[in-house]
Amino acid sequence: MALGSSAPEILLSVIGTVKDIEAVPGELGPSTIVGSAAFNLLVISGVSIIAVGGENDEIKKVDDLMVFFVTSVLSLWAYVWLFICVEDKQVTVVEGIMTIVFFVVLVAFSYAADRLNAKWANEKRS
């Protein structure tokens, strides 16, 4: 959902980069993407909590703590990594490749945490 809502900003940044590949990039692109991503993360989380429903005084909690923990820690790392990449106002090829590797690591860890959580849930039921 967040990727879909951020797709226009990402697409505009890619088009702008490819169009003016030799030009010095403006600061608006990364700032727009980071701001949009942060806003989407907060709004999507808030809407999801409201959409769960339930009684007004019912406490809502996260059942899959391992998946939540992995996603939270790696999301924080993503913002730190973005800061590291744009700190010198230039993103190198190595930083780009490492970003893709970090994305694969995020997906792999999240999937592993989800499978492990499902295994524990099945063992509890048995």
Protein backbone atom coordinates (compact mmCIF):
# COMPACT_ATOMS: atom_id res chain seq x y z
CA MET A 1 0.00 0.00 0.00
CA ALA A 2 2.80 2.42 0.87
CA LEU A 3 4.65 1.57 -2.33
CA GLY A 4 1.52 2.23 -4.36
CA SER A 5 0.92 5.58 -2.71
CA SER A 6 4.58 6.56 -3.19
CA ALA A 7 4.75 5.41 -6.80
CA PRO A 8 4.12 8.89 -8.33
CA GLU A 9 6.99 10.45 -6.37
CA ILE A 10 9.32 7.58 -7.19
CA LEU A 11 8.38 7.67 -10.88
CA LEU A 12 8.89 11.44 -11.09
CA SER A 13 12.30 11.14 -9.45
CA VAL A 14 13.36 8.36 -11.81
CA ILE A 15 12.16 10.31 -14.87
CA GLY A 16 13.91 13.47 -13.64
CA THR A 17 17.13 11.57 -13.02
CA VAL A 18 17.13 9.83 -16.39
CA LYS A 19 16.19 13.03 -18.21
CA ASP A 20 18.98 15.11 -16.66
CA ILE A 21 21.53 12.40 -15.90
CA GLU A 22 24.52 14.74 -16.12
CA ALA A 23 22.94 17.63 -14.21
CA VAL A 24 23.33 18.27 -10.50
CA PRO A 25 20.21 16.88 -8.84
CA GLY A 26 17.97 19.16 -6.84
CA GLU A 27 17.24 18.64 -3.16
CA LEU A 28 13.50 18.53 -3.69
CA GLY A 29 13.45 14.92 -4.93
CA PRO A 30 14.91 13.13 -1.90
CA SER A 31 13.08 15.44 0.50
CA THR A 32 9.77 14.78 -1.23
CA ILE A 33 10.25 11.02 -1.20
CA VAL A 34 11.34 10.90 2.46
CA GLY A 35 8.51 13.20 3.56
CA SER A 36 5.96 11.26 1.53
CA ALA A 37 7.21 7.93 2.86
CA ALA A 38 7.10 9.13 6.46
CA PHE A 39 3.61 10.56 6.01
CA ASN A 40 2.38 7.38 4.31
CA LEU A 41 3.85 5.21 7.06
CA LEU A 42 2.10 7.20 9.78
CA VAL A 43 -1.22 7.57 7.96
CA ILE A 44 -1.35 3.93 6.87
CA SER A 45 -0.57 2.81 10.43
CA GLY A 46 -3.25 5.10 11.84
CA VAL A 47 -5.91 4.07 9.33
CA SER A 48 -5.08 0.40 9.91
CA ILE A 49 -5.54 0.79 13.66
CA ILE A 50 -8.86 2.57 13.20
CA ALA A 51 -10.03 0.00 10.62
CA VAL A 52 -9.47 -2.92 12.99
CA GLY A 53 -12.61 -1.90 14.84
CA GLY A 54 -13.63 -3.36 18.14
CA GLU A 55 -15.07 -1.85 21.27
CA ASN A 56 -14.07 1.68 22.20
CA ASP A 57 -12.29 0.64 25.38
CA GLU A 58 -10.72 -2.49 23.90
CA ILE A 59 -6.93 -2.46 23.95
CA LYS A 60 -5.40 -3.10 20.55
CA LYS A 61 -2.10 -4.91 20.45
CA VAL A 62 0.30 -6.41 17.96
CA ASP A 63 0.05 -10.22 17.98
CA ASP A 64 2.99 -10.92 15.69
CA LEU A 65 5.69 -9.19 17.71
CA MET A 66 8.62 -10.77 15.86
CA VAL A 67 7.43 -9.51 12.47
CA PHE A 68 6.63 -6.11 13.99
CA PHE A 69 10.08 -5.94 15.60
CA VAL A 70 11.92 -6.90 12.39
CA THR A 71 9.94 -4.41 10.32
CA SER A 72 10.35 -1.63 12.89
CA VAL A 73 14.11 -2.05 13.30
CA LEU A 74 14.76 -2.34 9.58
CA SER A 75 12.50 0.65 8.85
CA LEU A 76 14.51 2.75 11.27
CA TRP A 77 17.69 1.49 9.62
CA ALA A 78 16.26 2.55 6.24
CA TYR A 79 15.96 6.16 7.41
CA VAL A 80 19.45 6.11 8.90
CA TRP A 81 20.80 4.60 5.67
CA LEU A 82 19.04 7.27 3.60
CA PHE A 83 20.65 9.96 5.74
CA ILE A 84 24.08 8.33 5.27
CA CYS A 85 23.57 8.17 1.50
CA VAL A 86 22.46 11.77 0.99
CA GLU A 87 24.70 13.35 3.64
CA ASP A 88 27.41 14.24 1.11
CA LYS A 89 24.76 15.18 -1.50
CA GLN A 90 25.88 12.36 -3.78
CA VAL A 91 24.70 8.77 -3.97
CA THR A 92 27.34 6.40 -5.30
CA VAL A 93 26.79 3.23 -7.27
CA VAL A 94 27.95 1.20 -4.26
CA GLU A 95 25.33 2.90 -2.07
CA GLY A 96 22.67 2.15 -4.66
CA ILE A 97 23.65 -1.52 -4.81
CA MET A 98 23.75 -1.72 -1.01
CA THR A 99 20.27 -0.19 -0.87
CA ILE A 100 18.95 -2.96 -3.11
CA VAL A 101 20.74 -5.56 -0.97
CA PHE A 102 19.20 -4.04 2.18
CA PHE A 103 15.76 -4.29 0.56
CA VAL A 104 16.31 -7.99 -0.16
CA VAL A 105 17.48 -8.46 3.44
CA LEU A 106 14.31 -6.71 4.69
CA VAL A 107 12.08 -8.99 2.62
CA ALA A 108 14.02 -12.12 3.64
CA PHE A 109 14.02 -11.28 7.37
CA SER A 110 10.34 -10.31 7.32
CA TYR A 111 9.41 -13.53 5.52
CA ALA A 112 11.51 -15.63 7.90
CA ALA A 113 9.97 -13.93 10.94
CA ASP A 114 6.48 -14.50 9.54
CA ARG A 115 7.16 -18.19 8.87
CA LEU A 116 8.69 -18.65 12.31
CA ASN A 117 5.71 -16.93 13.90
CA ALA A 118 3.31 -19.18 11.94
CA LYS A 119 5.25 -22.25 13.08
CA TRP A 120 5.03 -21.14 16.72
CA ALA A 121 1.29 -20.47 16.32
CA ASN A 122 0.75 -23.99 14.90
CA GLU A 123 2.72 -25.51 17.78
CA LYS A 124 0.60 -23.59 20.29
CA ARG A 125 -2.60 -24.93 18.75
CA SER A 126 -1.34 -28.51 18.80
